[in-house]
Amino acid sequence: MILPVYLYGHPVLRQEAEDITPDYPELSTLINDMWETMYHSEGVGLAAPQIGRSIALIVLDGSVLADTFPECADSKMVIINPQLEVIEDSPLVSRAEGCLSLPDLSENVKRHEHIRLTWCDENFVEHEKEFTGFLSRIIQHEYDHLLGEVYIDHVAPIRRQLIRTKLNNIVKGKVKCGYKTKAAPAK
């Protein structure tokens, strides 16, 4: 089932996600719904807070970007209860990022080029792996959602000021998307 993507300004996007256990209710259905939602929305990653669940769950598939970023080939994975570590001396690289929760926006964000991630897959098998390049960026972007952060938190204050009207329109739900969304509750 395609779920609505929660838009910037919704309180769930600012909550720190909680780890889950294998007995989380209907986990496989939720994961399948997240895949369907992500692909329908033409995203390369989707964190559970973006569909209104403050849990440590991410689906990610950057394979569509493999022609430009070879490290994204065969990158389809379910990430549960991740722990992210920046590799020492990893350079910061600035690239444009977008987000399904912030439609029609793109801003340059500095991120570390090299990370190590420890996580469980959908069967709660533990993995540890190092990631580089754009795949590292996608993982960091989605991991931020689990911390209650969004990519514009990493943008210079002057840039946030310049896009304030766009951000306010997203908060009010005044955006058109090719996918279902859920705006922040009215104050």
N, C-alpha and C. Protein backbone atom coordinates (compact mmCIF):
# COMPACT_ATOMS: atom_id res chain seq x y z
N MET A 1 0.84 -1.17 0.00
CA MET A 1 0.00 0.00 0.00
C MET A 1 0.89 1.24 0.00
N ILE A 2 0.54 2.19 -0.84
CA ILE A 2 1.28 3.45 -0.88
C ILE A 2 0.82 4.33 0.28
N LEU A 3 1.77 4.75 1.08
CA LEU A 3 1.50 5.55 2.27
C LEU A 3 1.78 7.03 1.98
N PRO A 4 1.14 7.94 2.70
CA PRO A 4 1.48 9.36 2.52
C PRO A 4 2.85 9.68 3.12
N VAL A 5 3.57 10.55 2.44
CA VAL A 5 4.86 11.03 2.93
C VAL A 5 4.60 12.27 3.77
N TYR A 6 5.08 12.26 5.00
CA TYR A 6 4.88 13.39 5.90
C TYR A 6 5.80 14.53 5.49
N LEU A 7 5.23 15.71 5.41
CA LEU A 7 5.94 16.88 4.93
C LEU A 7 6.66 17.63 6.06
N TYR A 8 7.69 18.35 5.65
CA TYR A 8 8.44 19.23 6.55
C TYR A 8 7.46 20.04 7.40
N GLY A 9 7.77 20.12 8.66
CA GLY A 9 6.90 20.83 9.60
C GLY A 9 6.08 19.89 10.46
N HIS A 10 5.93 18.64 10.02
CA HIS A 10 5.18 17.67 10.82
C HIS A 10 6.05 17.26 12.01
N PRO A 11 5.49 17.26 13.21
CA PRO A 11 6.28 16.97 14.42
C PRO A 11 7.01 15.63 14.40
N VAL A 12 6.47 14.61 13.73
CA VAL A 12 7.12 13.30 13.73
C VAL A 12 8.51 13.36 13.09
N LEU A 13 8.73 14.33 12.20
CA LEU A 13 10.03 14.45 11.55
C LEU A 13 11.10 15.03 12.48
N ARG A 14 10.68 15.52 13.64
CA ARG A 14 11.62 16.08 14.61
C ARG A 14 11.81 15.19 15.83
N GLN A 15 11.19 14.02 15.82
CA GLN A 15 11.34 13.09 16.94
C GLN A 15 12.50 12.14 16.68
N GLU A 16 13.20 11.78 17.73
CA GLU A 16 14.25 10.77 17.60
C GLU A 16 13.58 9.40 17.53
N ALA A 17 13.94 8.63 16.52
CA ALA A 17 13.33 7.32 16.29
C ALA A 17 13.79 6.31 17.33
N GLU A 18 12.92 5.38 17.64
CA GLU A 18 13.23 4.33 18.61
C GLU A 18 13.60 3.05 17.89
N ASP A 19 14.55 2.31 18.47
CA ASP A 19 14.89 1.00 17.93
C ASP A 19 13.69 0.07 18.02
N ILE A 20 13.69 -0.93 17.14
CA ILE A 20 12.60 -1.91 17.15
C ILE A 20 13.17 -3.31 17.35
N THR A 21 12.29 -4.24 17.64
CA THR A 21 12.66 -5.64 17.83
C THR A 21 11.99 -6.47 16.74
N PRO A 22 12.41 -7.74 16.60
CA PRO A 22 11.81 -8.58 15.55
C PRO A 22 10.31 -8.77 15.70
N ASP A 23 9.77 -8.54 16.90
CA ASP A 23 8.33 -8.72 17.08
C ASP A 23 7.53 -7.44 16.83
N TYR A 24 8.15 -6.45 16.20
CA TYR A 24 7.41 -5.22 15.86
C TYR A 24 6.20 -5.61 15.01
N PRO A 25 5.01 -5.12 15.36
CA PRO A 25 3.78 -5.55 14.67
C PRO A 25 3.81 -5.32 13.15
N GLU A 26 3.55 -6.39 12.42
CA GLU A 26 3.42 -6.37 10.96
C GLU A 26 4.60 -5.69 10.27
N LEU A 27 5.80 -6.01 10.73
CA LEU A 27 7.01 -5.39 10.19
C LEU A 27 7.18 -5.65 8.70
N SER A 28 6.97 -6.88 8.26
CA SER A 28 7.18 -7.18 6.83
C SER A 28 6.20 -6.41 5.96
N THR A 29 4.98 -6.24 6.43
CA THR A 29 3.99 -5.45 5.68
C THR A 29 4.42 -4.00 5.61
N LEU A 30 4.90 -3.47 6.74
CA LEU A 30 5.36 -2.09 6.78
C LEU A 30 6.53 -1.89 5.82
N ILE A 31 7.48 -2.80 5.82
CA ILE A 31 8.62 -2.69 4.92
C ILE A 31 8.16 -2.71 3.46
N ASN A 32 7.27 -3.62 3.12
CA ASN A 32 6.74 -3.68 1.75
C ASN A 32 6.02 -2.39 1.38
N ASP A 33 5.25 -1.84 2.31
CA ASP A 33 4.55 -0.57 2.06
C ASP A 33 5.56 0.57 1.86
N MET A 34 6.65 0.54 2.62
CA MET A 34 7.67 1.58 2.47
C MET A 34 8.36 1.47 1.10
N TRP A 35 8.66 0.23 0.66
CA TRP A 35 9.24 0.07 -0.68
C TRP A 35 8.28 0.64 -1.73
N GLU A 36 7.03 0.26 -1.64
CA GLU A 36 6.05 0.71 -2.62
C GLU A 36 5.93 2.24 -2.61
N THR A 37 5.91 2.82 -1.44
CA THR A 37 5.81 4.28 -1.30
C THR A 37 7.05 4.96 -1.88
N MET A 38 8.23 4.44 -1.56
CA MET A 38 9.47 5.04 -2.04
C MET A 38 9.55 4.99 -3.57
N TYR A 39 9.28 3.84 -4.14
CA TYR A 39 9.36 3.71 -5.60
C TYR A 39 8.30 4.57 -6.29
N HIS A 40 7.09 4.58 -5.74
CA HIS A 40 6.02 5.41 -6.32
C HIS A 40 6.39 6.89 -6.29
N SER A 41 7.08 7.30 -5.23
CA SER A 41 7.48 8.70 -5.05
C SER A 41 8.77 9.04 -5.79
N GLU A 42 9.37 8.04 -6.43
CA GLU A 42 10.63 8.19 -7.16
C GLU A 42 11.78 8.63 -6.25
N GLY A 43 11.78 8.08 -5.04
CA GLY A 43 12.86 8.34 -4.10
C GLY A 43 13.90 7.24 -4.16
N VAL A 44 15.04 7.48 -3.52
CA VAL A 44 16.09 6.47 -3.42
C VAL A 44 16.28 6.02 -1.97
N GLY A 45 15.52 6.61 -1.07
CA GLY A 45 15.55 6.23 0.33
C GLY A 45 14.30 6.75 1.01
N LEU A 46 13.89 6.03 2.05
CA LEU A 46 12.72 6.46 2.82
C LEU A 46 12.90 5.96 4.25
N ALA A 47 12.82 6.88 5.19
CA ALA A 47 12.92 6.54 6.61
C ALA A 47 11.52 6.50 7.21
N ALA A 48 11.34 5.62 8.18
CA ALA A 48 10.01 5.45 8.79
C ALA A 48 9.39 6.75 9.31
N PRO A 49 10.16 7.69 9.89
CA PRO A 49 9.51 8.94 10.30
C PRO A 49 8.82 9.67 9.14
N GLN A 50 9.29 9.45 7.93
CA GLN A 50 8.68 10.11 6.77
C GLN A 50 7.30 9.54 6.43
N ILE A 51 6.96 8.41 7.03
CA ILE A 51 5.61 7.88 6.85
C ILE A 51 4.88 7.83 8.19
N GLY A 52 5.36 8.66 9.12
CA GLY A 52 4.66 8.85 10.38
C GLY A 52 5.00 7.89 11.49
N ARG A 53 6.04 7.08 11.32
CA ARG A 53 6.43 6.12 12.36
C ARG A 53 7.79 6.52 12.91
N SER A 54 7.87 6.81 14.17
CA SER A 54 9.13 7.22 14.79
C SER A 54 9.92 6.00 15.25
N ILE A 55 10.29 5.18 14.25
CA ILE A 55 11.06 3.96 14.53
C ILE A 55 12.30 3.96 13.63
N ALA A 56 13.32 3.23 14.06
CA ALA A 56 14.61 3.19 13.36
C ALA A 56 14.57 2.18 12.21
N LEU A 57 13.95 2.60 11.12
CA LEU A 57 13.77 1.75 9.94
C LEU A 57 13.92 2.60 8.69
N ILE A 58 14.75 2.10 7.77
CA ILE A 58 15.00 2.78 6.49
C ILE A 58 14.94 1.75 5.38
N VAL A 59 14.36 2.13 4.24
CA VAL A 59 14.53 1.36 3.01
C VAL A 59 15.33 2.24 2.07
N LEU A 60 16.22 1.61 1.32
CA LEU A 60 17.13 2.39 0.48
C LEU A 60 17.44 1.59 -0.79
N ASP A 61 17.39 2.27 -1.92
CA ASP A 61 17.78 1.66 -3.18
C ASP A 61 18.24 2.76 -4.13
N GLY A 62 19.55 2.94 -4.18
CA GLY A 62 20.13 3.96 -5.06
C GLY A 62 20.53 3.42 -6.41
N SER A 63 20.12 2.20 -6.74
CA SER A 63 20.54 1.55 -7.98
C SER A 63 20.25 2.38 -9.23
N VAL A 64 19.18 3.14 -9.20
CA VAL A 64 18.82 3.98 -10.35
C VAL A 64 19.90 5.02 -10.65
N LEU A 65 20.75 5.32 -9.70
CA LEU A 65 21.81 6.32 -9.86
C LEU A 65 23.16 5.70 -10.24
N ALA A 66 23.20 4.40 -10.46
CA ALA A 66 24.46 3.69 -10.66
C ALA A 66 25.24 4.15 -11.89
N ASP A 67 24.57 4.64 -12.93
CA ASP A 67 25.30 5.11 -14.10
C ASP A 67 26.20 6.29 -13.74
N THR A 68 25.71 7.17 -12.88
CA THR A 68 26.47 8.34 -12.46
C THR A 68 27.34 8.05 -11.24
N PHE A 69 26.80 7.24 -10.34
CA PHE A 69 27.48 6.91 -9.09
C PHE A 69 27.57 5.39 -8.97
N PRO A 70 28.63 4.78 -9.51
CA PRO A 70 28.74 3.31 -9.52
C PRO A 70 28.62 2.66 -8.15
N GLU A 71 29.00 3.37 -7.10
CA GLU A 71 28.89 2.80 -5.75
C GLU A 71 27.44 2.52 -5.35
N CYS A 72 26.47 3.08 -6.09
CA CYS A 72 25.06 2.88 -5.78
C CYS A 72 24.48 1.61 -6.43
N ALA A 73 25.25 0.95 -7.30
CA ALA A 73 24.78 -0.30 -7.91
C ALA A 73 24.52 -1.32 -6.81
N ASP A 74 23.48 -2.08 -6.97
CA ASP A 74 23.15 -3.15 -6.01
C ASP A 74 23.09 -2.64 -4.58
N SER A 75 22.47 -1.48 -4.39
CA SER A 75 22.43 -0.87 -3.06
C SER A 75 21.10 -1.06 -2.35
N LYS A 76 20.23 -1.90 -2.87
CA LYS A 76 18.92 -2.09 -2.24
C LYS A 76 19.09 -2.78 -0.89
N MET A 77 18.59 -2.12 0.17
CA MET A 77 18.71 -2.71 1.50
C MET A 77 17.67 -2.15 2.46
N VAL A 78 17.35 -2.97 3.43
CA VAL A 78 16.54 -2.58 4.57
C VAL A 78 17.51 -2.35 5.71
N ILE A 79 17.36 -1.22 6.39
CA ILE A 79 18.27 -0.84 7.47
C ILE A 79 17.45 -0.64 8.74
N ILE A 80 17.71 -1.48 9.73
CA ILE A 80 16.98 -1.42 11.00
C ILE A 80 17.98 -1.15 12.12
N ASN A 81 17.61 -0.24 13.02
CA ASN A 81 18.42 0.10 14.20
C ASN A 81 19.88 0.41 13.86
N PRO A 82 20.11 1.30 12.90
CA PRO A 82 21.49 1.56 12.48
C PRO A 82 22.28 2.39 13.49
N GLN A 83 23.58 2.21 13.40
CA GLN A 83 24.54 3.04 14.12
C GLN A 83 25.54 3.50 13.07
N LEU A 84 25.73 4.81 12.95
CA LEU A 84 26.60 5.37 11.92
C LEU A 84 27.83 5.98 12.56
N GLU A 85 28.97 5.72 11.93
CA GLU A 85 30.24 6.27 12.40
C GLU A 85 30.96 6.87 11.20
N VAL A 86 31.43 8.09 11.35
CA VAL A 86 32.23 8.73 10.31
C VAL A 86 33.64 8.17 10.39
N ILE A 87 34.18 7.76 9.24
CA ILE A 87 35.55 7.26 9.19
C ILE A 87 36.50 8.44 9.40
N GLU A 88 37.47 8.25 10.26
CA GLU A 88 38.43 9.31 10.59
C GLU A 88 39.06 9.88 9.32
N ASP A 89 39.20 11.19 9.29
CA ASP A 89 39.79 11.92 8.16
C ASP A 89 38.94 11.86 6.89
N SER A 90 37.68 11.48 7.01
CA SER A 90 36.80 11.46 5.85
C SER A 90 36.53 12.89 5.40
N PRO A 91 36.80 13.20 4.13
CA PRO A 91 36.58 14.57 3.67
C PRO A 91 35.09 14.93 3.60
N LEU A 92 34.80 16.20 3.76
CA LEU A 92 33.44 16.71 3.57
C LEU A 92 33.29 17.10 2.11
N VAL A 93 32.18 16.68 1.51
CA VAL A 93 31.90 17.00 0.11
C VAL A 93 30.53 17.64 0.04
N SER A 94 30.42 18.73 -0.72
CA SER A 94 29.15 19.43 -0.88
C SER A 94 28.48 18.98 -2.18
N ARG A 95 27.22 18.56 -2.07
CA ARG A 95 26.42 18.16 -3.23
C ARG A 95 24.97 18.55 -2.97
N ALA A 96 24.24 18.68 -4.06
CA ALA A 96 22.81 18.99 -3.96
C ALA A 96 22.05 17.77 -3.42
N GLU A 97 21.11 18.04 -2.53
CA GLU A 97 20.23 17.01 -1.99
C GLU A 97 18.79 17.49 -2.07
N GLY A 98 17.91 16.53 -2.20
CA GLY A 98 16.48 16.77 -2.12
C GLY A 98 15.90 15.78 -1.14
N CYS A 99 14.60 15.89 -0.89
CA CYS A 99 13.95 15.01 0.09
C CYS A 99 12.47 14.93 -0.23
N LEU A 100 11.91 13.74 -0.12
CA LEU A 100 10.49 13.57 -0.37
C LEU A 100 9.65 14.39 0.61
N SER A 101 10.17 14.66 1.80
CA SER A 101 9.44 15.46 2.79
C SER A 101 9.58 16.96 2.56
N LEU A 102 10.45 17.33 1.64
CA LEU A 102 10.66 18.74 1.27
C LEU A 102 10.57 18.85 -0.26
N PRO A 103 9.38 18.63 -0.82
CA PRO A 103 9.25 18.59 -2.29
C PRO A 103 9.63 19.90 -2.95
N ASP A 104 10.15 19.77 -4.15
CA ASP A 104 10.52 20.93 -4.99
C ASP A 104 11.63 21.78 -4.39
N LEU A 105 12.43 21.20 -3.53
CA LEU A 105 13.58 21.91 -2.97
C LEU A 105 14.83 21.08 -3.20
N SER A 106 15.93 21.77 -3.38
CA SER A 106 17.23 21.13 -3.48
C SER A 106 18.25 22.14 -2.98
N GLU A 107 19.12 21.69 -2.09
CA GLU A 107 20.15 22.55 -1.52
C GLU A 107 21.45 21.78 -1.41
N ASN A 108 22.55 22.49 -1.49
CA ASN A 108 23.86 21.87 -1.30
C ASN A 108 24.08 21.59 0.18
N VAL A 109 24.54 20.38 0.46
CA VAL A 109 24.79 19.93 1.82
C VAL A 109 26.18 19.30 1.87
N LYS A 110 26.95 19.65 2.89
CA LYS A 110 28.25 19.01 3.10
C LYS A 110 28.05 17.75 3.92
N ARG A 111 28.58 16.66 3.40
CA ARG A 111 28.50 15.37 4.10
C ARG A 111 29.85 14.67 4.00
N HIS A 112 30.07 13.77 4.94
CA HIS A 112 31.30 12.99 4.92
C HIS A 112 31.26 11.98 3.77
N GLU A 113 32.40 11.80 3.17
CA GLU A 113 32.53 10.93 2.00
C GLU A 113 32.61 9.46 2.38
N HIS A 114 32.99 9.17 3.64
CA HIS A 114 33.28 7.78 4.02
C HIS A 114 32.71 7.51 5.41
N ILE A 115 31.84 6.51 5.51
CA ILE A 115 31.21 6.16 6.78
C ILE A 115 31.26 4.65 7.01
N ARG A 116 31.01 4.28 8.24
CA ARG A 116 30.82 2.86 8.61
C ARG A 116 29.42 2.76 9.22
N LEU A 117 28.69 1.76 8.78
CA LEU A 117 27.33 1.56 9.28
C LEU A 117 27.20 0.16 9.85
N THR A 118 26.59 0.08 11.02
CA THR A 118 26.21 -1.19 11.62
C THR A 118 24.69 -1.18 11.67
N TRP A 119 24.05 -2.26 11.21
CA TRP A 119 22.60 -2.31 11.16
C TRP A 119 22.11 -3.75 11.11
N CYS A 120 20.82 -3.91 11.28
CA CYS A 120 20.16 -5.20 11.09
C CYS A 120 19.34 -5.12 9.81
N ASP A 121 19.27 -6.24 9.09
CA ASP A 121 18.41 -6.29 7.92
C ASP A 121 17.00 -6.70 8.35
N GLU A 122 16.13 -6.95 7.38
CA GLU A 122 14.73 -7.27 7.70
C GLU A 122 14.57 -8.58 8.47
N ASN A 123 15.61 -9.43 8.46
CA ASN A 123 15.58 -10.67 9.24
C ASN A 123 16.33 -10.54 10.57
N PHE A 124 16.72 -9.33 10.89
CA PHE A 124 17.47 -8.99 12.10
C PHE A 124 18.85 -9.67 12.14
N VAL A 125 19.41 -9.87 10.94
CA VAL A 125 20.79 -10.30 10.83
C VAL A 125 21.63 -9.03 10.85
N GLU A 126 22.67 -9.02 11.72
CA GLU A 126 23.49 -7.82 11.87
C GLU A 126 24.54 -7.73 10.77
N HIS A 127 24.77 -6.50 10.30
CA HIS A 127 25.76 -6.22 9.26
C HIS A 127 26.62 -5.03 9.70
N GLU A 128 27.83 -5.01 9.20
CA GLU A 128 28.70 -3.84 9.36
C GLU A 128 29.45 -3.67 8.05
N LYS A 129 29.43 -2.44 7.54
CA LYS A 129 30.06 -2.20 6.24
C LYS A 129 30.45 -0.73 6.13
N GLU A 130 31.49 -0.46 5.36
CA GLU A 130 31.89 0.91 5.06
C GLU A 130 31.30 1.31 3.72
N PHE A 131 30.89 2.57 3.63
CA PHE A 131 30.28 3.10 2.41
C PHE A 131 30.99 4.40 2.05
N THR A 132 31.06 4.66 0.75
CA THR A 132 31.70 5.88 0.27
C THR A 132 30.81 6.56 -0.77
N GLY A 133 31.21 7.77 -1.11
CA GLY A 133 30.59 8.49 -2.22
C GLY A 133 29.13 8.81 -2.01
N PHE A 134 28.38 8.77 -3.10
CA PHE A 134 26.99 9.18 -3.05
C PHE A 134 26.14 8.22 -2.23
N LEU A 135 26.50 6.94 -2.21
CA LEU A 135 25.76 5.99 -1.38
C LEU A 135 25.92 6.35 0.09
N SER A 136 27.11 6.77 0.48
CA SER A 136 27.33 7.25 1.84
C SER A 136 26.42 8.44 2.15
N ARG A 137 26.27 9.34 1.18
CA ARG A 137 25.41 10.51 1.32
C ARG A 137 23.95 10.11 1.54
N ILE A 138 23.46 9.18 0.73
CA ILE A 138 22.07 8.73 0.87
C ILE A 138 21.84 8.16 2.25
N ILE A 139 22.76 7.33 2.71
CA ILE A 139 22.63 6.71 4.04
C ILE A 139 22.62 7.79 5.12
N GLN A 140 23.53 8.75 5.04
CA GLN A 140 23.58 9.82 6.05
C GLN A 140 22.28 10.64 6.03
N HIS A 141 21.76 10.91 4.84
CA HIS A 141 20.52 11.68 4.71
C HIS A 141 19.37 10.94 5.43
N GLU A 142 19.23 9.66 5.16
CA GLU A 142 18.15 8.88 5.77
C GLU A 142 18.38 8.70 7.27
N TYR A 143 19.63 8.51 7.66
CA TYR A 143 19.96 8.36 9.07
C TYR A 143 19.58 9.62 9.85
N ASP A 144 19.78 10.78 9.22
CA ASP A 144 19.37 12.04 9.86
C ASP A 144 17.90 12.01 10.27
N HIS A 145 17.06 11.43 9.41
CA HIS A 145 15.63 11.36 9.74
C HIS A 145 15.40 10.61 11.05
N LEU A 146 16.23 9.62 11.32
CA LEU A 146 16.08 8.85 12.57
C LEU A 146 16.51 9.66 13.78
N LEU A 147 17.30 10.70 13.54
CA LEU A 147 17.75 11.59 14.62
C LEU A 147 16.82 12.79 14.81
N GLY A 148 15.77 12.87 13.98
CA GLY A 148 14.87 14.02 14.04
C GLY A 148 15.40 15.21 13.28
N GLU A 149 16.25 14.96 12.30
CA GLU A 149 16.84 16.03 11.50
C GLU A 149 16.41 15.89 10.04
N VAL A 150 16.48 17.01 9.31
CA VAL A 150 16.27 17.01 7.87
C VAL A 150 17.46 17.72 7.23
N TYR A 151 17.65 17.51 5.94
CA TYR A 151 18.88 18.00 5.32
C TYR A 151 19.06 19.50 5.39
N ILE A 152 17.98 20.26 5.45
CA ILE A 152 18.16 21.72 5.51
C ILE A 152 18.72 22.18 6.85
N ASP A 153 18.75 21.28 7.84
CA ASP A 153 19.41 21.61 9.11
C ASP A 153 20.91 21.79 8.90
N HIS A 154 21.43 21.25 7.80
CA HIS A 154 22.86 21.33 7.50
C HIS A 154 23.19 22.46 6.52
N VAL A 155 22.19 23.25 6.19
CA VAL A 155 22.35 24.35 5.23
C VAL A 155 22.62 25.64 6.01
N ALA A 156 23.41 26.50 5.43
CA ALA A 156 23.73 27.77 6.08
C ALA A 156 22.46 28.56 6.41
N PRO A 157 22.43 29.23 7.56
CA PRO A 157 21.24 30.00 7.96
C PRO A 157 20.77 30.99 6.88
N ILE A 158 21.69 31.60 6.17
CA ILE A 158 21.29 32.56 5.14
C ILE A 158 20.51 31.87 4.02
N ARG A 159 20.90 30.63 3.69
CA ARG A 159 20.17 29.87 2.65
C ARG A 159 18.77 29.52 3.16
N ARG A 160 18.68 29.11 4.42
CA ARG A 160 17.35 28.79 4.98
C ARG A 160 16.46 30.03 4.95
N GLN A 161 17.05 31.17 5.24
CA GLN A 161 16.28 32.42 5.19
C GLN A 161 15.78 32.69 3.77
N LEU A 162 16.62 32.42 2.79
CA LEU A 162 16.26 32.68 1.39
C LEU A 162 15.14 31.75 0.89
N ILE A 163 15.02 30.56 1.50
CA ILE A 163 13.97 29.63 1.07
C ILE A 163 12.82 29.56 2.07
N ARG A 164 12.78 30.52 2.98
CA ARG A 164 11.76 30.51 4.04
C ARG A 164 10.34 30.43 3.51
N THR A 165 10.03 31.17 2.44
CA THR A 165 8.67 31.14 1.89
C THR A 165 8.32 29.74 1.39
N LYS A 166 9.26 29.10 0.70
CA LYS A 166 9.03 27.73 0.22
C LYS A 166 8.81 26.78 1.39
N LEU A 167 9.64 26.93 2.44
CA LEU A 167 9.49 26.07 3.61
C LEU A 167 8.13 26.29 4.28
N ASN A 168 7.72 27.54 4.40
CA ASN A 168 6.41 27.83 5.01
C ASN A 168 5.28 27.23 4.19
N ASN A 169 5.40 27.25 2.87
CA ASN A 169 4.37 26.65 2.01
C ASN A 169 4.32 25.14 2.20
N ILE A 170 5.47 24.51 2.38
CA ILE A 170 5.48 23.07 2.63
C ILE A 170 4.81 22.78 3.97
N VAL A 171 5.14 23.56 5.00
CA VAL A 171 4.53 23.37 6.32
C VAL A 171 3.01 23.46 6.22
N LYS A 172 2.52 24.38 5.40
CA LYS A 172 1.07 24.58 5.25
C LYS A 172 0.44 23.59 4.27
N GLY A 173 1.26 22.74 3.65
CA GLY A 173 0.74 21.77 2.69
C GLY A 173 0.44 22.38 1.34
N LYS A 174 0.97 23.55 1.07
CA LYS A 174 0.72 24.24 -0.20
C LYS A 174 1.77 23.84 -1.23
N VAL A 175 1.83 22.55 -1.52
CA VAL A 175 2.74 22.02 -2.52
C VAL A 175 2.01 20.97 -3.34
N LYS A 176 2.45 20.82 -4.57
CA LYS A 176 1.87 19.78 -5.42
C LYS A 176 2.94 18.71 -5.62
N CYS A 177 2.53 17.48 -5.38
CA CYS A 177 3.45 16.35 -5.52
C CYS A 177 2.78 15.29 -6.37
N GLY A 178 3.59 14.44 -6.95
CA GLY A 178 3.08 13.31 -7.69
C GLY A 178 2.87 12.11 -6.78
N TYR A 179 2.87 12.32 -5.48
CA TYR A 179 2.67 11.26 -4.50
C TYR A 179 1.84 11.80 -3.33
N LYS A 180 1.28 10.87 -2.56
CA LYS A 180 0.45 11.26 -1.42
C LYS A 180 1.31 11.88 -0.33
N THR A 181 0.79 12.96 0.28
CA THR A 181 1.52 13.61 1.36
C THR A 181 0.60 13.88 2.54
N LYS A 182 1.22 14.18 3.66
CA LYS A 182 0.49 14.58 4.85
C LYS A 182 1.21 15.79 5.45
N ALA A 183 0.51 16.90 5.48
CA ALA A 183 1.10 18.14 6.01
C ALA A 183 1.05 18.16 7.52
N ALA A 184 1.77 19.09 8.08
CA ALA A 184 1.77 19.29 9.53
C ALA A 184 0.37 19.68 9.98
N PRO A 185 -0.02 19.27 11.19
CA PRO A 185 -1.33 19.70 11.71
C PRO A 185 -1.35 21.21 11.89
N ALA A 186 -2.49 21.80 11.63
CA ALA A 186 -2.64 23.26 11.80
C ALA A 186 -2.43 23.63 13.26
N LYS A 187 -1.77 24.77 13.44
CA LYS A 187 -1.50 25.23 14.81
C LYS A 187 -2.64 26.03 15.35
